[in-house]
Amino acid sequence: QVHLVESGGGLVQPGESLRLSCTVSGTTLDYATMGWYRRAPGKQGELVATLSTGSDTFYEDSVKGRFVIFKDAVENKYYLQMNSLKPEDTADYYCLVQKTGVDAWGQGTRVTVSS
């Protein structure tokens, strides 16, 4: 069974950084698309970033230049480095992994950006 666990959320001030981690068990990150999705209170969710086989990346427009998604294949983990955080980045963040036979999501970690 595939299991994803996020960590690294918290309360930060505008302009600060956080690194979210997604620990994956039950499958490897080989040939997988991994990503981060967020849902802010009262708003629709949105895909924030993805990393696919071949190191192809996608970033939602509002996070381009501030967020970076990367993986550690040895540890079977991947990350979302979030810099220059803004109040509008406040949301629950979910990691996800998709590959043949796998469509798994974590339970989420809350990020709050507030002064």
C-alpha atoms as a PDB file:
ATOM      1  CA  GLN A   1       0.000   0.000   0.000  1.00  0.00           C
ATOM      2  CA  VAL A   2       1.325   3.415  -0.978  1.00  0.00           C
ATOM      3  CA  HIS A   3       1.571   5.896   1.852  1.00  0.00           C
ATOM      4  CA  LEU A   4       2.556   9.569   1.698  1.00  0.00           C
ATOM      5  CA  VAL A   5       3.314  11.698   4.723  1.00  0.00           C
ATOM      6  CA  GLU A   6       3.877  15.439   4.541  1.00  0.00           C
ATOM      7  CA  SER A   7       5.863  17.436   7.052  1.00  0.00           C
ATOM      8  CA  GLY A   8       7.374  20.862   7.394  1.00  0.00           C
ATOM      9  CA  GLY A   9       4.338  23.085   7.573  1.00  0.00           C
ATOM     10  CA  GLY A  10       3.984  25.816  10.125  1.00  0.00           C
ATOM     11  CA  LEU A  11       3.513  29.475  10.815  1.00  0.00           C
ATOM     12  CA  VAL A  12       5.919  31.915   9.229  1.00  0.00           C
ATOM     13  CA  GLN A  13       6.046  35.611   8.520  1.00  0.00           C
ATOM     14  CA  PRO A  14       5.813  37.075   5.035  1.00  0.00           C
ATOM     15  CA  GLY A  15       9.129  36.847   3.220  1.00  0.00           C
ATOM     16  CA  GLU A  16      10.310  33.801   5.126  1.00  0.00           C
ATOM     17  CA  SER A  17      10.915  30.298   3.814  1.00  0.00           C
ATOM     18  CA  LEU A  18       9.668  26.804   4.523  1.00  0.00           C
ATOM     19  CA  ARG A  19      10.547  23.407   3.147  1.00  0.00           C
ATOM     20  CA  LEU A  20       7.809  20.812   2.898  1.00  0.00           C
ATOM     21  CA  SER A  21       8.736  17.156   2.750  1.00  0.00           C
ATOM     22  CA  CYS A  22       6.818  14.200   1.405  1.00  0.00           C
ATOM     23  CA  THR A  23       7.962  10.804   2.576  1.00  0.00           C
ATOM     24  CA  VAL A  24       6.821   8.017   0.266  1.00  0.00           C
ATOM     25  CA  SER A  25       6.467   4.368   1.165  1.00  0.00           C
ATOM     26  CA  GLY A  26       5.049   1.436  -0.751  1.00  0.00           C
ATOM     27  CA  THR A  27       6.419   2.566  -4.103  1.00  0.00           C
ATOM     28  CA  THR A  28       9.488   4.225  -5.525  1.00  0.00           C
ATOM     29  CA  LEU A  29       9.669   7.590  -7.219  1.00  0.00           C
ATOM     30  CA  ASP A  30      10.929   5.965 -10.406  1.00  0.00           C
ATOM     31  CA  TYR A  31       8.752   6.815 -13.392  1.00  0.00           C
ATOM     32  CA  ALA A  32       6.434   8.811 -11.153  1.00  0.00           C
ATOM     33  CA  THR A  33       4.923  12.235 -11.380  1.00  0.00           C
ATOM     34  CA  MET A  34       5.089  13.828  -7.959  1.00  0.00           C
ATOM     35  CA  GLY A  35       3.477  17.045  -6.982  1.00  0.00           C
ATOM     36  CA  TRP A  36       2.129  19.460  -4.455  1.00  0.00           C
ATOM     37  CA  TYR A  37      -1.449  20.645  -4.315  1.00  0.00           C
ATOM     38  CA  ARG A  38      -2.854  23.270  -2.002  1.00  0.00           C
ATOM     39  CA  ARG A  39      -6.250  24.318  -0.786  1.00  0.00           C
ATOM     40  CA  ALA A  40      -6.701  27.665   0.907  1.00  0.00           C
ATOM     41  CA  PRO A  41      -9.638  28.307   3.239  1.00  0.00           C
ATOM     42  CA  GLY A  42     -12.725  29.124   1.236  1.00  0.00           C
ATOM     43  CA  LYS A  43     -10.975  28.736  -2.097  1.00  0.00           C
ATOM     44  CA  GLN A  44     -10.655  26.129  -4.782  1.00  0.00           C
ATOM     45  CA  GLY A  45      -7.635  23.926  -4.636  1.00  0.00           C
ATOM     46  CA  GLU A  46      -4.805  24.302  -7.094  1.00  0.00           C
ATOM     47  CA  LEU A  47      -1.852  22.338  -8.292  1.00  0.00           C
ATOM     48  CA  VAL A  48       1.239  24.166  -7.145  1.00  0.00           C
ATOM     49  CA  ALA A  49       4.116  22.207  -8.628  1.00  0.00           C
ATOM     50  CA  THR A  50       4.929  18.883 -10.254  1.00  0.00           C
ATOM     51  CA  LEU A  51       8.084  16.976 -11.064  1.00  0.00           C
ATOM     52  CA  SER A  52       7.973  14.245 -13.666  1.00  0.00           C
ATOM     53  CA  THR A  53      10.281  11.655 -15.152  1.00  0.00           C
ATOM     54  CA  GLY A  54      13.051  13.419 -16.993  1.00  0.00           C
ATOM     55  CA  SER A  55      13.013  16.245 -14.474  1.00  0.00           C
ATOM     56  CA  ASP A  56      10.192  18.079 -16.194  1.00  0.00           C
ATOM     57  CA  THR A  57       8.637  20.588 -13.827  1.00  0.00           C
ATOM     58  CA  PHE A  58       5.455  22.606 -13.672  1.00  0.00           C
ATOM     59  CA  TYR A  59       4.807  25.572 -11.411  1.00  0.00           C
ATOM     60  CA  GLU A  60       1.605  27.483 -10.887  1.00  0.00           C
ATOM     61  CA  ASP A  61       2.117  31.053 -12.057  1.00  0.00           C
ATOM     62  CA  SER A  62       1.915  32.645  -8.620  1.00  0.00           C
ATOM     63  CA  VAL A  63       4.789  30.533  -7.248  1.00  0.00           C
ATOM     64  CA  LYS A  64       7.179  30.645 -10.198  1.00  0.00           C
ATOM     65  CA  GLY A  65      10.554  31.893  -9.102  1.00  0.00           C
ATOM     66  CA  ARG A  66       9.730  31.340  -5.429  1.00  0.00           C
ATOM     67  CA  PHE A  67       9.000  27.613  -5.077  1.00  0.00           C
ATOM     68  CA  VAL A  68      11.171  24.694  -6.130  1.00  0.00           C
ATOM     69  CA  ILE A  69      10.176  21.036  -6.235  1.00  0.00           C
ATOM     70  CA  PHE A  70      12.920  18.447  -6.018  1.00  0.00           C
ATOM     71  CA  LYS A  71      13.421  14.874  -4.960  1.00  0.00           C
ATOM     72  CA  ASP A  72      15.838  12.664  -3.107  1.00  0.00           C
ATOM     73  CA  ALA A  73      15.483   9.327  -4.836  1.00  0.00           C
ATOM     74  CA  VAL A  74      17.761   7.590  -2.362  1.00  0.00           C
ATOM     75  CA  GLU A  75      15.559   8.586   0.569  1.00  0.00           C
ATOM     76  CA  ASN A  76      12.362   8.170  -1.493  1.00  0.00           C
ATOM     77  CA  LYS A  77      11.301  11.646  -0.479  1.00  0.00           C
ATOM     78  CA  TYR A  78      10.576  14.838  -2.295  1.00  0.00           C
ATOM     79  CA  TYR A  79      10.313  18.409  -1.243  1.00  0.00           C
ATOM     80  CA  LEU A  80       8.808  21.795  -1.911  1.00  0.00           C
ATOM     81  CA  GLN A  81      11.150  24.618  -1.073  1.00  0.00           C
ATOM     82  CA  MET A  82       9.047  27.720  -0.576  1.00  0.00           C
ATOM     83  CA  ASN A  83      10.795  31.073  -0.490  1.00  0.00           C
ATOM     84  CA  SER A  84       9.533  34.616  -0.184  1.00  0.00           C
ATOM     85  CA  LEU A  85       6.289  33.369   1.251  1.00  0.00           C
ATOM     86  CA  LYS A  86       3.224  35.559   0.995  1.00  0.00           C
ATOM     87  CA  PRO A  87      -0.005  35.580   2.999  1.00  0.00           C
ATOM     88  CA  GLU A  88      -1.785  34.241  -0.079  1.00  0.00           C
ATOM     89  CA  ASP A  89       0.348  31.102   0.148  1.00  0.00           C
ATOM     90  CA  THR A  90      -1.547  30.180   3.303  1.00  0.00           C
ATOM     91  CA  ALA A  91      -3.179  26.811   2.677  1.00  0.00           C
ATOM     92  CA  ASP A  92      -3.193  23.134   3.432  1.00  0.00           C
ATOM     93  CA  TYR A  93      -0.570  21.522   1.224  1.00  0.00           C
ATOM     94  CA  TYR A  94      -0.887  17.958  -0.027  1.00  0.00           C
ATOM     95  CA  CYS A  95       1.700  15.839  -1.738  1.00  0.00           C
ATOM     96  CA  LEU A  96       0.720  13.419  -4.452  1.00  0.00           C
ATOM     97  CA  VAL A  97       2.338  10.653  -6.474  1.00  0.00           C
ATOM     98  CA  GLN A  98       1.003   9.262  -9.734  1.00  0.00           C
ATOM     99  CA  LYS A  99       2.402   6.424 -11.796  1.00  0.00           C
ATOM    100  CA  THR A 100       1.119   3.272 -13.362  1.00  0.00           C
ATOM    101  CA  GLY A 101      -1.161   1.689 -10.783  1.00  0.00           C
ATOM    102  CA  VAL A 102      -0.630   4.446  -8.234  1.00  0.00           C
ATOM    103  CA  ASP A 103      -2.616   7.561  -7.434  1.00  0.00           C
ATOM    104  CA  ALA A 104      -1.748   8.464  -3.869  1.00  0.00           C
ATOM    105  CA  TRP A 105      -2.202  11.552  -1.734  1.00  0.00           C
ATOM    106  CA  GLY A 106      -0.964  12.590   1.647  1.00  0.00           C
ATOM    107  CA  GLN A 107      -3.119  13.935   4.441  1.00  0.00           C
ATOM    108  CA  GLY A 108      -1.796  17.455   4.224  1.00  0.00           C
ATOM    109  CA  THR A 109       0.272  19.909   6.181  1.00  0.00           C
ATOM    110  CA  ARG A 110      -0.829  23.434   7.011  1.00  0.00           C
ATOM    111  CA  VAL A 111       1.190  26.471   5.994  1.00  0.00           C
ATOM    112  CA  THR A 112       0.237  29.817   7.491  1.00  0.00           C
ATOM    113  CA  VAL A 113       1.930  33.003   6.373  1.00  0.00           C
ATOM    114  CA  SER A 114       1.056  35.876   8.635  1.00  0.00           C
ATOM    115  CA  SER A 115       2.656  38.772  10.399  1.00  0.00           C
END
